[in-house]
């Protein structure tokens, strides 16, 4: 049975909601909410108290718990800043003492080694889990990454996040799955289901780097404007049929991955508790009757413009898209499908009073 890895926010109602779904949760992942510890997403203008994080996690005894240290890169001075590194270690120690931390999710291996050198004792109690932005799309990459983790003082991971491109590349996914079973039988494989990014997004690396650069405090965060003017928002706005090429996995299609992976990761923590409740419920039930885009993290802006009736997608949707050769000039499937199942939405002003 596929289990879920979901975002955690220290919101009392959301925590209570997750408590009801613990039987289908493998793990939760979360920001450490400390100003000197950026993760892979934009900094929020409102940062919860660290104490609220620990208290909320304690109310979920079932799932494993992973703190996010998954920024693409950090300011080079951080790696030798003993005070900043010790602040991270103190946060990890606090969660360890409360039995609310099993590991960290990492992308920057300089930081991983710096933390290991700073406190081998703390790190020896924590798994180092390679994040989805390590882009593990081959067994060779999996092997090299796990070998690099073994050179540090961290525990080996009990799960790894595979690259989202494998969601639509079943032969390669099956090969990686078989090799991991043979060589790393204790490691669970995870796929990210609802990111909603472009297929093999050409903007991805630069986008992640710009988020990381902004999170250092050296520049303002202008990634949304950049994507609107030059990137994925511009591209999808002009060609919305490309949304079907996104390597997302619908709730109804989870069964196709049984036997190849063990965990489905859900994202969207910056969109708030209401979004996350909708997403977790849909994937736990393996069914969603509304706008498909309302489940997608990075297509939140498009969901305000377009209603894609998830229930009206054809029975062969998954098979057609997974077997696609991406020769769009010779195929009109996505354009025709958009006409059948999508309805433009009227412009509405957002109510900012709430």
C-alpha atoms as a PDB file:
ATOM      1  CA  UNK A   1       0.000   0.000   0.000  1.00  0.00           C
ATOM      2  CA  UNK A   2       1.334   3.423  -0.959  1.00  0.00           C
ATOM      3  CA  UNK A   3       1.722   5.809   1.965  1.00  0.00           C
ATOM      4  CA  UNK A   4       1.945   9.595   1.885  1.00  0.00           C
ATOM      5  CA  UNK A   5       4.708  12.040   2.812  1.00  0.00           C
ATOM      6  CA  UNK A   6       2.964  15.367   3.457  1.00  0.00           C
ATOM      7  CA  UNK A   7       3.914  18.897   4.511  1.00  0.00           C
ATOM      8  CA  UNK A   8       3.481  19.804   8.157  1.00  0.00           C
ATOM      9  CA  UNK A   9       2.517  23.276   9.368  1.00  0.00           C
ATOM     10  CA  UNK A  10       2.191  24.137  13.088  1.00  0.00           C
ATOM     11  CA  UNK A  11      -1.446  25.112  12.629  1.00  0.00           C
ATOM     12  CA  UNK A  12      -3.714  23.539  15.305  1.00  0.00           C
ATOM     13  CA  UNK A  13      -6.606  22.732  12.958  1.00  0.00           C
ATOM     14  CA  UNK A  14      -4.297  21.314  10.290  1.00  0.00           C
ATOM     15  CA  UNK A  15      -2.476  19.220  12.901  1.00  0.00           C
ATOM     16  CA  UNK A  16      -5.811  17.847  14.097  1.00  0.00           C
ATOM     17  CA  UNK A  17      -6.712  17.076  10.481  1.00  0.00           C
ATOM     18  CA  UNK A  18      -3.445  15.169   9.930  1.00  0.00           C
ATOM     19  CA  UNK A  19      -3.983  13.208  13.135  1.00  0.00           C
ATOM     20  CA  UNK A  20      -7.078  11.662  11.547  1.00  0.00           C
ATOM     21  CA  UNK A  21      -5.053  10.559   8.511  1.00  0.00           C
ATOM     22  CA  UNK A  22      -2.110   9.017  10.378  1.00  0.00           C
ATOM     23  CA  UNK A  23      -2.844   5.476   9.106  1.00  0.00           C
ATOM     24  CA  UNK A  24      -2.014   6.589   5.530  1.00  0.00           C
ATOM     25  CA  UNK A  25       0.971   8.782   6.451  1.00  0.00           C
ATOM     26  CA  UNK A  26       4.508   7.509   6.148  1.00  0.00           C
ATOM     27  CA  UNK A  27       6.061  10.835   7.103  1.00  0.00           C
ATOM     28  CA  UNK A  28       5.740  14.595   7.381  1.00  0.00           C
ATOM     29  CA  UNK A  29       8.261  17.205   6.270  1.00  0.00           C
ATOM     30  CA  UNK A  30       8.578  20.766   7.521  1.00  0.00           C
ATOM     31  CA  UNK A  31      10.574  23.962   7.623  1.00  0.00           C
ATOM     32  CA  UNK A  32      12.550  24.555  10.796  1.00  0.00           C
ATOM     33  CA  UNK A  33      11.254  28.147  10.772  1.00  0.00           C
ATOM     34  CA  UNK A  34      14.518  29.767  11.832  1.00  0.00           C
ATOM     35  CA  UNK A  35      15.663  32.910  10.042  1.00  0.00           C
ATOM     36  CA  UNK A  36      19.212  31.644   9.571  1.00  0.00           C
ATOM     37  CA  UNK A  37      18.050  28.304   8.149  1.00  0.00           C
ATOM     38  CA  UNK A  38      16.546  28.726   4.689  1.00  0.00           C
ATOM     39  CA  UNK A  39      14.952  25.785   2.978  1.00  0.00           C
ATOM     40  CA  UNK A  40      14.058  25.256  -0.668  1.00  0.00           C
ATOM     41  CA  UNK A  41      11.020  27.561  -0.704  1.00  0.00           C
ATOM     42  CA  UNK A  42      10.455  31.294  -0.431  1.00  0.00           C
ATOM     43  CA  UNK A  43      10.741  32.833   3.005  1.00  0.00           C
ATOM     44  CA  UNK A  44       7.345  33.581   4.511  1.00  0.00           C
ATOM     45  CA  UNK A  45       6.529  37.026   5.868  1.00  0.00           C
ATOM     46  CA  UNK A  46       5.068  35.353   8.968  1.00  0.00           C
ATOM     47  CA  UNK A  47       7.281  32.782  10.676  1.00  0.00           C
ATOM     48  CA  UNK A  48       5.724  30.506  13.336  1.00  0.00           C
ATOM     49  CA  UNK A  49       7.446  30.070  16.666  1.00  0.00           C
ATOM     50  CA  UNK A  50       9.878  27.156  16.789  1.00  0.00           C
ATOM     51  CA  UNK A  51       8.202  25.978  20.006  1.00  0.00           C
ATOM     52  CA  UNK A  52       4.886  25.676  18.166  1.00  0.00           C
ATOM     53  CA  UNK A  53       6.587  23.404  15.634  1.00  0.00           C
ATOM     54  CA  UNK A  54       7.853  20.987  18.277  1.00  0.00           C
ATOM     55  CA  UNK A  55       4.512  20.957  20.105  1.00  0.00           C
ATOM     56  CA  UNK A  56       2.556  20.316  16.915  1.00  0.00           C
ATOM     57  CA  UNK A  57       4.819  17.487  15.799  1.00  0.00           C
ATOM     58  CA  UNK A  58       4.412  15.802  19.178  1.00  0.00           C
ATOM     59  CA  UNK A  59       0.694  15.451  18.432  1.00  0.00           C
ATOM     60  CA  UNK A  60       1.510  13.156  15.494  1.00  0.00           C
ATOM     61  CA  UNK A  61       3.206  10.104  17.023  1.00  0.00           C
ATOM     62  CA  UNK A  62       2.694   7.890  13.976  1.00  0.00           C
ATOM     63  CA  UNK A  63       4.542   9.299  10.942  1.00  0.00           C
ATOM     64  CA  UNK A  64       8.283   9.818  10.661  1.00  0.00           C
ATOM     65  CA  UNK A  65       9.416  13.440  10.742  1.00  0.00           C
ATOM     66  CA  UNK A  66      11.930  15.197   8.491  1.00  0.00           C
ATOM     67  CA  UNK A  67      13.218  18.761   8.797  1.00  0.00           C
ATOM     68  CA  UNK A  68      13.911  20.589   5.554  1.00  0.00           C
ATOM     69  CA  UNK A  69      17.417  21.898   4.913  1.00  0.00           C
ATOM     70  CA  UNK A  70      16.923  21.608   1.174  1.00  0.00           C
ATOM     71  CA  UNK A  71      17.967  24.935  -0.288  1.00  0.00           C
ATOM     72  CA  UNK A  72      19.825  24.585  -3.594  1.00  0.00           C
ATOM     73  CA  UNK A  73      22.797  26.440  -2.099  1.00  0.00           C
ATOM     74  CA  UNK A  74      23.688  28.708   0.824  1.00  0.00           C
ATOM     75  CA  UNK A  75      25.896  31.720   1.361  1.00  0.00           C
ATOM     76  CA  UNK A  76      29.459  30.337   1.256  1.00  0.00           C
ATOM     77  CA  UNK A  77      30.225  31.890   4.639  1.00  0.00           C
ATOM     78  CA  UNK A  78      27.593  29.670   6.297  1.00  0.00           C
ATOM     79  CA  UNK A  79      29.772  26.587   5.884  1.00  0.00           C
ATOM     80  CA  UNK A  80      32.439  28.043   8.205  1.00  0.00           C
ATOM     81  CA  UNK A  81      30.148  30.128  10.440  1.00  0.00           C
ATOM     82  CA  UNK A  82      30.338  28.123  13.659  1.00  0.00           C
ATOM     83  CA  UNK A  83      27.668  30.194  15.419  1.00  0.00           C
ATOM     84  CA  UNK A  84      25.163  29.701  12.586  1.00  0.00           C
ATOM     85  CA  UNK A  85      25.937  25.991  12.306  1.00  0.00           C
ATOM     86  CA  UNK A  86      25.546  25.523  16.061  1.00  0.00           C
ATOM     87  CA  UNK A  87      22.166  27.278  15.869  1.00  0.00           C
ATOM     88  CA  UNK A  88      21.036  24.670  13.351  1.00  0.00           C
ATOM     89  CA  UNK A  89      22.389  21.883  15.541  1.00  0.00           C
ATOM     90  CA  UNK A  90      20.564  23.271  18.598  1.00  0.00           C
ATOM     91  CA  UNK A  91      17.289  23.246  16.659  1.00  0.00           C
ATOM     92  CA  UNK A  92      17.898  19.643  15.603  1.00  0.00           C
ATOM     93  CA  UNK A  93      18.853  18.670  19.167  1.00  0.00           C
ATOM     94  CA  UNK A  94      15.655  20.218  20.526  1.00  0.00           C
ATOM     95  CA  UNK A  95      13.495  18.177  18.164  1.00  0.00           C
ATOM     96  CA  UNK A  96      15.529  15.035  18.820  1.00  0.00           C
ATOM     97  CA  UNK A  97      15.082  15.437  22.569  1.00  0.00           C
ATOM     98  CA  UNK A  98      11.322  15.717  22.040  1.00  0.00           C
ATOM     99  CA  UNK A  99      11.362  12.586  19.849  1.00  0.00           C
ATOM    100  CA  UNK A 100       9.954  14.630  16.953  1.00  0.00           C
ATOM    101  CA  UNK A 101      12.740  14.296  14.379  1.00  0.00           C
ATOM    102  CA  UNK A 102      14.043  11.341  12.374  1.00  0.00           C
ATOM    103  CA  UNK A 103      16.155  13.097   9.782  1.00  0.00           C
ATOM    104  CA  UNK A 104      16.776  16.036   7.491  1.00  0.00           C
ATOM    105  CA  UNK A 105      16.131  16.504   3.796  1.00  0.00           C
ATOM    106  CA  UNK A 106      19.207  17.860   2.045  1.00  0.00           C
ATOM    107  CA  UNK A 107      20.272  19.115  -1.388  1.00  0.00           C
ATOM    108  CA  UNK A 108      23.456  21.084  -0.582  1.00  0.00           C
ATOM    109  CA  UNK A 109      26.102  18.524   0.350  1.00  0.00           C
ATOM    110  CA  UNK A 110      28.537  21.223   1.501  1.00  0.00           C
ATOM    111  CA  UNK A 111      26.045  22.005   4.268  1.00  0.00           C
ATOM    112  CA  UNK A 112      25.604  18.306   5.022  1.00  0.00           C
ATOM    113  CA  UNK A 113      29.342  17.879   5.589  1.00  0.00           C
ATOM    114  CA  UNK A 114      29.605  21.123   7.575  1.00  0.00           C
ATOM    115  CA  UNK A 115      26.848  19.981   9.940  1.00  0.00           C
ATOM    116  CA  UNK A 116      28.445  16.558  10.276  1.00  0.00           C
ATOM    117  CA  UNK A 117      31.772  18.150  11.203  1.00  0.00           C
ATOM    118  CA  UNK A 118      30.103  20.538  13.671  1.00  0.00           C
ATOM    119  CA  UNK A 119      28.284  17.873  15.690  1.00  0.00           C
ATOM    120  CA  UNK A 120      28.968  14.233  14.808  1.00  0.00           C
ATOM    121  CA  UNK A 121      26.971  13.150  17.872  1.00  0.00           C
ATOM    122  CA  UNK A 122      23.772  14.902  16.760  1.00  0.00           C
ATOM    123  CA  UNK A 123      24.136  13.932  13.120  1.00  0.00           C
ATOM    124  CA  UNK A 124      24.733  10.265  13.940  1.00  0.00           C
ATOM    125  CA  UNK A 125      21.128  10.151  15.183  1.00  0.00           C
ATOM    126  CA  UNK A 126      19.607  11.588  11.999  1.00  0.00           C
ATOM    127  CA  UNK A 127      18.958  10.259   8.521  1.00  0.00           C
ATOM    128  CA  UNK A 128      20.199  12.414   5.638  1.00  0.00           C
ATOM    129  CA  UNK A 129      17.518  12.169   2.961  1.00  0.00           C
ATOM    130  CA  UNK A 130      18.351  13.442  -0.545  1.00  0.00           C
ATOM    131  CA  UNK A 131      15.634  15.860  -1.633  1.00  0.00           C
ATOM    132  CA  UNK A 132      13.714  15.679  -4.887  1.00  0.00           C
ATOM    133  CA  UNK A 133      15.900  18.473  -6.259  1.00  0.00           C
ATOM    134  CA  UNK A 134      18.890  16.131  -6.153  1.00  0.00           C
ATOM    135  CA  UNK A 135      17.164  14.844  -9.317  1.00  0.00           C
ATOM    136  CA  UNK A 136      17.848  11.149  -8.817  1.00  0.00           C
ATOM    137  CA  UNK A 137      16.744   9.886 -12.224  1.00  0.00           C
ATOM    138  CA  UNK A 138      19.080   6.890 -12.570  1.00  0.00           C
ATOM    139  CA  UNK A 139      20.412   4.139 -10.345  1.00  0.00           C
ATOM    140  CA  UNK A 140      23.939   5.504 -10.847  1.00  0.00           C
ATOM    141  CA  UNK A 141      22.841   8.806  -9.282  1.00  0.00           C
ATOM    142  CA  UNK A 142      21.133   6.998  -6.419  1.00  0.00           C
ATOM    143  CA  UNK A 143      24.273   4.971  -5.788  1.00  0.00           C
ATOM    144  CA  UNK A 144      26.584   8.011  -5.911  1.00  0.00           C
ATOM    145  CA  UNK A 145      24.341  10.047  -3.614  1.00  0.00           C
ATOM    146  CA  UNK A 146      24.028   7.319  -0.989  1.00  0.00           C
ATOM    147  CA  UNK A 147      27.783   6.813  -1.161  1.00  0.00           C
ATOM    148  CA  UNK A 148      28.320  10.537  -0.492  1.00  0.00           C
ATOM    149  CA  UNK A 149      25.985  10.405   2.524  1.00  0.00           C
ATOM    150  CA  UNK A 150      27.928   7.409   3.859  1.00  0.00           C
ATOM    151  CA  UNK A 151      31.071   9.585   3.940  1.00  0.00           C
ATOM    152  CA  UNK A 152      29.429  11.896   6.501  1.00  0.00           C
ATOM    153  CA  UNK A 153      28.432  11.242  10.083  1.00  0.00           C
ATOM    154  CA  UNK A 154      24.727  11.005   9.254  1.00  0.00           C
ATOM    155  CA  UNK A 155      22.670   7.822   9.270  1.00  0.00           C
ATOM    156  CA  UNK A 156      21.791   6.440   5.832  1.00  0.00           C
ATOM    157  CA  UNK A 157      18.288   7.365   4.678  1.00  0.00           C
ATOM    158  CA  UNK A 158      15.407   4.934   4.966  1.00  0.00           C
ATOM    159  CA  UNK A 159      13.717   6.704   2.051  1.00  0.00           C
ATOM    160  CA  UNK A 160      14.878   8.691  -0.964  1.00  0.00           C
ATOM    161  CA  UNK A 161      13.068  11.084  -3.274  1.00  0.00           C
ATOM    162  CA  UNK A 162      13.335  10.158  -6.943  1.00  0.00           C
ATOM    163  CA  UNK A 163      13.207  12.739  -9.710  1.00  0.00           C
ATOM    164  CA  UNK A 164       9.757  13.815 -10.882  1.00  0.00           C
ATOM    165  CA  UNK A 165      10.628  12.939 -14.511  1.00  0.00           C
ATOM    166  CA  UNK A 166      10.302   9.248 -13.569  1.00  0.00           C
ATOM    167  CA  UNK A 167       6.570   9.751 -12.961  1.00  0.00           C
ATOM    168  CA  UNK A 168       6.128   9.530 -16.725  1.00  0.00           C
ATOM    169  CA  UNK A 169       9.011   7.178 -17.505  1.00  0.00           C
ATOM    170  CA  UNK A 170       7.807   3.823 -16.228  1.00  0.00           C
ATOM    171  CA  UNK A 171      10.489   1.621 -17.847  1.00  0.00           C
ATOM    172  CA  UNK A 172      13.281   3.619 -16.190  1.00  0.00           C
ATOM    173  CA  UNK A 173      11.368   3.791 -12.904  1.00  0.00           C
ATOM    174  CA  UNK A 174      10.943   0.007 -12.927  1.00  0.00           C
ATOM    175  CA  UNK A 175      14.663  -0.476 -13.594  1.00  0.00           C
ATOM    176  CA  UNK A 176      15.695   1.855 -10.763  1.00  0.00           C
ATOM    177  CA  UNK A 177      13.190   0.216  -8.437  1.00  0.00           C
ATOM    178  CA  UNK A 178      14.534  -3.270  -9.152  1.00  0.00           C
ATOM    179  CA  UNK A 179      18.154  -2.195  -8.664  1.00  0.00           C
ATOM    180  CA  UNK A 180      17.379  -0.384  -5.415  1.00  0.00           C
ATOM    181  CA  UNK A 181      15.538  -3.451  -4.109  1.00  0.00           C
ATOM    182  CA  UNK A 182      18.632  -5.514  -4.844  1.00  0.00           C
ATOM    183  CA  UNK A 183      21.295  -3.149  -3.493  1.00  0.00           C
ATOM    184  CA  UNK A 184      19.426  -1.035  -0.908  1.00  0.00           C
ATOM    185  CA  UNK A 185      16.527  -3.201   0.317  1.00  0.00           C
ATOM    186  CA  UNK A 186      15.877  -1.037   3.382  1.00  0.00           C
ATOM    187  CA  UNK A 187      15.310   2.166   1.412  1.00  0.00           C
ATOM    188  CA  UNK A 188      11.784   3.214   0.459  1.00  0.00           C
ATOM    189  CA  UNK A 189      11.341   5.014  -2.867  1.00  0.00           C
ATOM    190  CA  UNK A 190       9.326   8.228  -3.077  1.00  0.00           C
ATOM    191  CA  UNK A 191       7.733  10.083  -5.997  1.00  0.00           C
ATOM    192  CA  UNK A 192       6.510  13.691  -5.892  1.00  0.00           C
ATOM    193  CA  UNK A 193       2.918  13.757  -7.140  1.00  0.00           C
ATOM    194  CA  UNK A 194       1.516  17.281  -7.261  1.00  0.00           C
ATOM    195  CA  UNK A 195       4.250  19.780  -8.041  1.00  0.00           C
ATOM    196  CA  UNK A 196       2.713  20.689 -11.401  1.00  0.00           C
ATOM    197  CA  UNK A 197       5.937  21.963 -12.952  1.00  0.00           C
ATOM    198  CA  UNK A 198       6.645  21.865 -16.687  1.00  0.00           C
ATOM    199  CA  UNK A 199       7.904  18.590 -18.096  1.00  0.00           C
ATOM    200  CA  UNK A 200      11.686  18.515 -17.495  1.00  0.00           C
ATOM    201  CA  UNK A 201      11.353  22.218 -16.758  1.00  0.00           C
ATOM    202  CA  UNK A 202      14.179  24.163 -18.442  1.00  0.00           C
ATOM    203  CA  UNK A 203      13.801  26.941 -15.858  1.00  0.00           C
ATOM    204  CA  UNK A 204      14.053  24.666 -12.818  1.00  0.00           C
ATOM    205  CA  UNK A 205      17.727  24.957 -11.898  1.00  0.00           C
ATOM    206  CA  UNK A 206      17.843  28.725 -12.368  1.00  0.00           C
ATOM    207  CA  UNK A 207      14.553  29.129 -10.478  1.00  0.00           C
ATOM    208  CA  UNK A 208      15.815  27.116  -7.500  1.00  0.00           C
ATOM    209  CA  UNK A 209      19.087  29.045  -7.549  1.00  0.00           C
ATOM    210  CA  UNK A 210      17.271  32.386  -7.541  1.00  0.00           C
ATOM    211  CA  UNK A 211      15.106  31.288  -4.588  1.00  0.00           C
ATOM    212  CA  UNK A 212      18.265  30.239  -2.736  1.00  0.00           C
ATOM    213  CA  UNK A 213      20.000  33.520  -3.653  1.00  0.00           C
ATOM    214  CA  UNK A 214      17.044  35.531  -2.341  1.00  0.00           C
ATOM    215  CA  UNK A 215      16.962  33.449   0.844  1.00  0.00           C
ATOM    216  CA  UNK A 216      20.563  34.465   1.611  1.00  0.00           C
ATOM    217  CA  UNK A 217      19.243  38.015   2.021  1.00  0.00           C
ATOM    218  CA  UNK A 218      21.557  39.354  -0.674  1.00  0.00           C
ATOM    219  CA  UNK A 219      18.739  40.216  -3.100  1.00  0.00           C
ATOM    220  CA  UNK A 220      14.967  40.591  -3.137  1.00  0.00           C
ATOM    221  CA  UNK A 221      12.851  37.643  -4.244  1.00  0.00           C
ATOM    222  CA  UNK A 222      11.677  38.406  -7.785  1.00  0.00           C
ATOM    223  CA  UNK A 223      11.193  34.861  -9.058  1.00  0.00           C
ATOM    224  CA  UNK A 224       7.437  35.221  -9.617  1.00  0.00           C
ATOM    225  CA  UNK A 225       7.925  38.266 -11.820  1.00  0.00           C
ATOM    226  CA  UNK A 226      10.731  36.525 -13.693  1.00  0.00           C
ATOM    227  CA  UNK A 227       8.551  33.484 -14.379  1.00  0.00           C
ATOM    228  CA  UNK A 228       5.712  35.745 -15.463  1.00  0.00           C
ATOM    229  CA  UNK A 229       7.872  37.688 -17.884  1.00  0.00           C
ATOM    230  CA  UNK A 230      10.243  34.994 -19.138  1.00  0.00           C
ATOM    231  CA  UNK A 231       9.466  31.564 -17.723  1.00  0.00           C
ATOM    232  CA  UNK A 232       6.844  28.936 -16.992  1.00  0.00           C
ATOM    233  CA  UNK A 233       3.933  31.274 -16.225  1.00  0.00           C
ATOM    234  CA  UNK A 234       4.420  32.951 -19.580  1.00  0.00           C
ATOM    235  CA  UNK A 235       4.697  29.580 -21.348  1.00  0.00           C
ATOM    236  CA  UNK A 236       1.645  27.994 -19.726  1.00  0.00           C
ATOM    237  CA  UNK A 237      -0.358  31.181 -20.134  1.00  0.00           C
ATOM    238  CA  UNK A 238       0.268  31.069 -23.882  1.00  0.00           C
ATOM    239  CA  UNK A 239      -0.036  27.268 -24.200  1.00  0.00           C
ATOM    240  CA  UNK A 240      -2.192  25.933 -21.340  1.00  0.00           C
ATOM    241  CA  UNK A 241      -2.422  22.513 -23.002  1.00  0.00           C
ATOM    242  CA  UNK A 242       1.165  21.952 -21.807  1.00  0.00           C
ATOM    243  CA  UNK A 243      -0.211  21.422 -18.318  1.00  0.00           C
ATOM    244  CA  UNK A 244      -1.029  17.846 -19.337  1.00  0.00           C
ATOM    245  CA  UNK A 245       2.676  17.212 -19.984  1.00  0.00           C
ATOM    246  CA  UNK A 246       3.474  18.041 -16.377  1.00  0.00           C
ATOM    247  CA  UNK A 247       4.776  14.893 -14.654  1.00  0.00           C
ATOM    248  CA  UNK A 248       2.100  15.081 -11.983  1.00  0.00           C
ATOM    249  CA  UNK A 249       0.304  12.004 -10.663  1.00  0.00           C
ATOM    250  CA  UNK A 250      -3.453  12.304 -10.168  1.00  0.00           C
ATOM    251  CA  UNK A 251      -5.018  10.717  -7.071  1.00  0.00           C
ATOM    252  CA  UNK A 252      -6.850   8.252  -9.325  1.00  0.00           C
ATOM    253  CA  UNK A 253      -3.576   7.037 -10.859  1.00  0.00           C
ATOM    254  CA  UNK A 254      -1.646   6.161  -7.698  1.00  0.00           C
ATOM    255  CA  UNK A 255      -2.384   2.464  -8.181  1.00  0.00           C
ATOM    256  CA  UNK A 256      -0.192   2.469 -11.297  1.00  0.00           C
ATOM    257  CA  UNK A 257       2.890   2.931  -9.085  1.00  0.00           C
ATOM    258  CA  UNK A 258       2.141   0.173  -6.574  1.00  0.00           C
ATOM    259  CA  UNK A 259       5.049  -2.235  -6.403  1.00  0.00           C
ATOM    260  CA  UNK A 260       7.591   0.240  -7.809  1.00  0.00           C
ATOM    261  CA  UNK A 261       7.614   2.838  -5.015  1.00  0.00           C
ATOM    262  CA  UNK A 262       6.371   2.895  -1.432  1.00  0.00           C
ATOM    263  CA  UNK A 263       5.736   6.585  -0.740  1.00  0.00           C
ATOM    264  CA  UNK A 264       3.990   9.441  -2.552  1.00  0.00           C
ATOM    265  CA  UNK A 265       5.179  12.905  -1.583  1.00  0.00           C
ATOM    266  CA  UNK A 266       2.769  15.848  -1.615  1.00  0.00           C
ATOM    267  CA  UNK A 267       3.884  19.474  -1.700  1.00  0.00           C
ATOM    268  CA  UNK A 268       2.385  22.955  -1.388  1.00  0.00           C
ATOM    269  CA  UNK A 269       3.255  24.043   2.157  1.00  0.00           C
ATOM    270  CA  UNK A 270       3.541  27.722   1.154  1.00  0.00           C
ATOM    271  CA  UNK A 271      -0.104  27.697  -0.005  1.00  0.00           C
ATOM    272  CA  UNK A 272      -1.453  27.181   3.498  1.00  0.00           C
ATOM    273  CA  UNK A 273      -3.523  24.681   5.514  1.00  0.00           C
ATOM    274  CA  UNK A 274      -6.715  24.837   3.414  1.00  0.00           C
ATOM    275  CA  UNK A 275      -4.823  23.887   0.242  1.00  0.00           C
ATOM    276  CA  UNK A 276      -2.980  21.099   2.049  1.00  0.00           C
ATOM    277  CA  UNK A 277      -6.143  19.632   3.542  1.00  0.00           C
ATOM    278  CA  UNK A 278      -7.729  19.462   0.096  1.00  0.00           C
ATOM    279  CA  UNK A 279      -4.654  17.770  -1.364  1.00  0.00           C
ATOM    280  CA  UNK A 280      -4.110  15.265   1.456  1.00  0.00           C
ATOM    281  CA  UNK A 281      -7.780  14.273   1.450  1.00  0.00           C
ATOM    282  CA  UNK A 282      -7.804  13.793  -2.335  1.00  0.00           C
ATOM    283  CA  UNK A 283      -4.709  11.577  -2.380  1.00  0.00           C
ATOM    284  CA  UNK A 284      -5.750   9.628   0.706  1.00  0.00           C
ATOM    285  CA  UNK A 285      -9.113   8.902  -0.960  1.00  0.00           C
ATOM    286  CA  UNK A 286      -7.473   8.425  -4.386  1.00  0.00           C
ATOM    287  CA  UNK A 287     -10.235  10.498  -5.932  1.00  0.00           C
ATOM    288  CA  UNK A 288     -10.943  14.166  -6.663  1.00  0.00           C
ATOM    289  CA  UNK A 289     -14.034  15.600  -8.308  1.00  0.00           C
ATOM    290  CA  UNK A 290     -12.966  19.239  -8.704  1.00  0.00           C
ATOM    291  CA  UNK A 291     -10.472  21.316 -10.666  1.00  0.00           C
ATOM    292  CA  UNK A 292      -7.302  19.279 -11.189  1.00  0.00           C
ATOM    293  CA  UNK A 293      -5.270  22.487 -10.924  1.00  0.00           C
ATOM    294  CA  UNK A 294      -6.526  23.004  -7.368  1.00  0.00           C
ATOM    295  CA  UNK A 295      -4.283  20.087  -6.376  1.00  0.00           C
ATOM    296  CA  UNK A 296      -1.143  21.415  -8.076  1.00  0.00           C
ATOM    297  CA  UNK A 297       1.410  23.417  -6.094  1.00  0.00           C
ATOM    298  CA  UNK A 298       2.990  25.515  -8.848  1.00  0.00           C
ATOM    299  CA  UNK A 299      -0.188  25.890 -10.921  1.00  0.00           C
ATOM    300  CA  UNK A 300      -2.090  27.749  -8.210  1.00  0.00           C
ATOM    301  CA  UNK A 301      -2.080  30.883 -10.387  1.00  0.00           C
ATOM    302  CA  UNK A 302      -3.501  28.966 -13.382  1.00  0.00           C
ATOM    303  CA  UNK A 303      -6.270  27.455 -11.239  1.00  0.00           C
ATOM    304  CA  UNK A 304      -7.699  30.970 -10.961  1.00  0.00           C
ATOM    305  CA  UNK A 305      -7.959  31.180 -14.760  1.00  0.00           C
ATOM    306  CA  UNK A 306      -8.859  27.662 -15.850  1.00  0.00           C
ATOM    307  CA  UNK A 307     -11.106  24.876 -14.556  1.00  0.00           C
ATOM    308  CA  UNK A 308      -9.837  21.432 -15.595  1.00  0.00           C
ATOM    309  CA  UNK A 309     -12.538  18.899 -14.728  1.00  0.00           C
ATOM    310  CA  UNK A 310     -10.528  16.049 -13.229  1.00  0.00           C
ATOM    311  CA  UNK A 311     -13.522  13.687 -13.232  1.00  0.00           C
ATOM    312  CA  UNK A 312     -13.972  14.184 -16.986  1.00  0.00           C
ATOM    313  CA  UNK A 313     -10.469  13.140 -17.980  1.00  0.00           C
ATOM    314  CA  UNK A 314     -10.690   9.969 -20.107  1.00  0.00           C
ATOM    315  CA  UNK A 315      -9.985   6.499 -18.761  1.00  0.00           C
ATOM    316  CA  UNK A 316      -6.851   6.222 -20.905  1.00  0.00           C
ATOM    317  CA  UNK A 317      -5.424   9.575 -19.708  1.00  0.00           C
ATOM    318  CA  UNK A 318      -2.602   8.065 -17.650  1.00  0.00           C
ATOM    319  CA  UNK A 319      -1.656   5.506 -20.318  1.00  0.00           C
ATOM    320  CA  UNK A 320      -1.631   8.101 -23.108  1.00  0.00           C
ATOM    321  CA  UNK A 321       0.461  10.613 -21.203  1.00  0.00           C
ATOM    322  CA  UNK A 322       2.860   8.056 -19.735  1.00  0.00           C
ATOM    323  CA  UNK A 323       3.451   6.481 -23.146  1.00  0.00           C
ATOM    324  CA  UNK A 324       3.808   9.850 -24.875  1.00  0.00           C
ATOM    325  CA  UNK A 325       6.831  10.381 -27.138  1.00  0.00           C
ATOM    326  CA  UNK A 326       6.615  14.199 -26.619  1.00  0.00           C
ATOM    327  CA  UNK A 327       6.490  14.855 -30.364  1.00  0.00           C
ATOM    328  CA  UNK A 328       3.882  17.578 -29.918  1.00  0.00           C
ATOM    329  CA  UNK A 329       4.120  18.918 -33.464  1.00  0.00           C
ATOM    330  CA  UNK A 330       2.802  15.625 -34.786  1.00  0.00           C
ATOM    331  CA  UNK A 331       0.082  15.229 -32.146  1.00  0.00           C
ATOM    332  CA  UNK A 332      -2.975  17.225 -31.123  1.00  0.00           C
ATOM    333  CA  UNK A 333      -4.067  15.104 -28.139  1.00  0.00           C
ATOM    334  CA  UNK A 334      -3.397  17.675 -25.401  1.00  0.00           C
ATOM    335  CA  UNK A 335      -4.899  20.557 -27.363  1.00  0.00           C
ATOM    336  CA  UNK A 336      -8.056  18.561 -28.073  1.00  0.00           C
ATOM    337  CA  UNK A 337      -8.246  17.349 -24.477  1.00  0.00           C
ATOM    338  CA  UNK A 338      -8.035  20.907 -23.182  1.00  0.00           C
ATOM    339  CA  UNK A 339     -11.054  21.872 -25.291  1.00  0.00           C
ATOM    340  CA  UNK A 340     -13.045  18.914 -23.915  1.00  0.00           C
ATOM    341  CA  UNK A 341     -12.346  19.192 -20.189  1.00  0.00           C
ATOM    342  CA  UNK A 342     -11.215  22.772 -19.485  1.00  0.00           C
ATOM    343  CA  UNK A 343     -13.313  25.898 -18.998  1.00  0.00           C
ATOM    344  CA  UNK A 344     -11.867  29.433 -18.767  1.00  0.00           C
ATOM    345  CA  UNK A 345     -12.756  31.168 -15.502  1.00  0.00           C
ATOM    346  CA  UNK A 346     -13.915  34.763 -15.214  1.00  0.00           C
ATOM    347  CA  UNK A 347     -11.482  37.178 -13.581  1.00  0.00           C
ATOM    348  CA  UNK A 348     -12.191  37.734  -9.884  1.00  0.00           C
ATOM    349  CA  UNK A 349     -10.572  40.094  -7.410  1.00  0.00           C
ATOM    350  CA  UNK A 350      -9.091  38.213  -4.493  1.00  0.00           C
ATOM    351  CA  UNK A 351     -10.696  38.978  -1.134  1.00  0.00           C
ATOM    352  CA  UNK A 352      -7.765  40.126   1.005  1.00  0.00           C
ATOM    353  CA  UNK A 353      -9.887  40.980   4.035  1.00  0.00           C
ATOM    354  CA  UNK A 354      -9.646  37.457   5.476  1.00  0.00           C
END
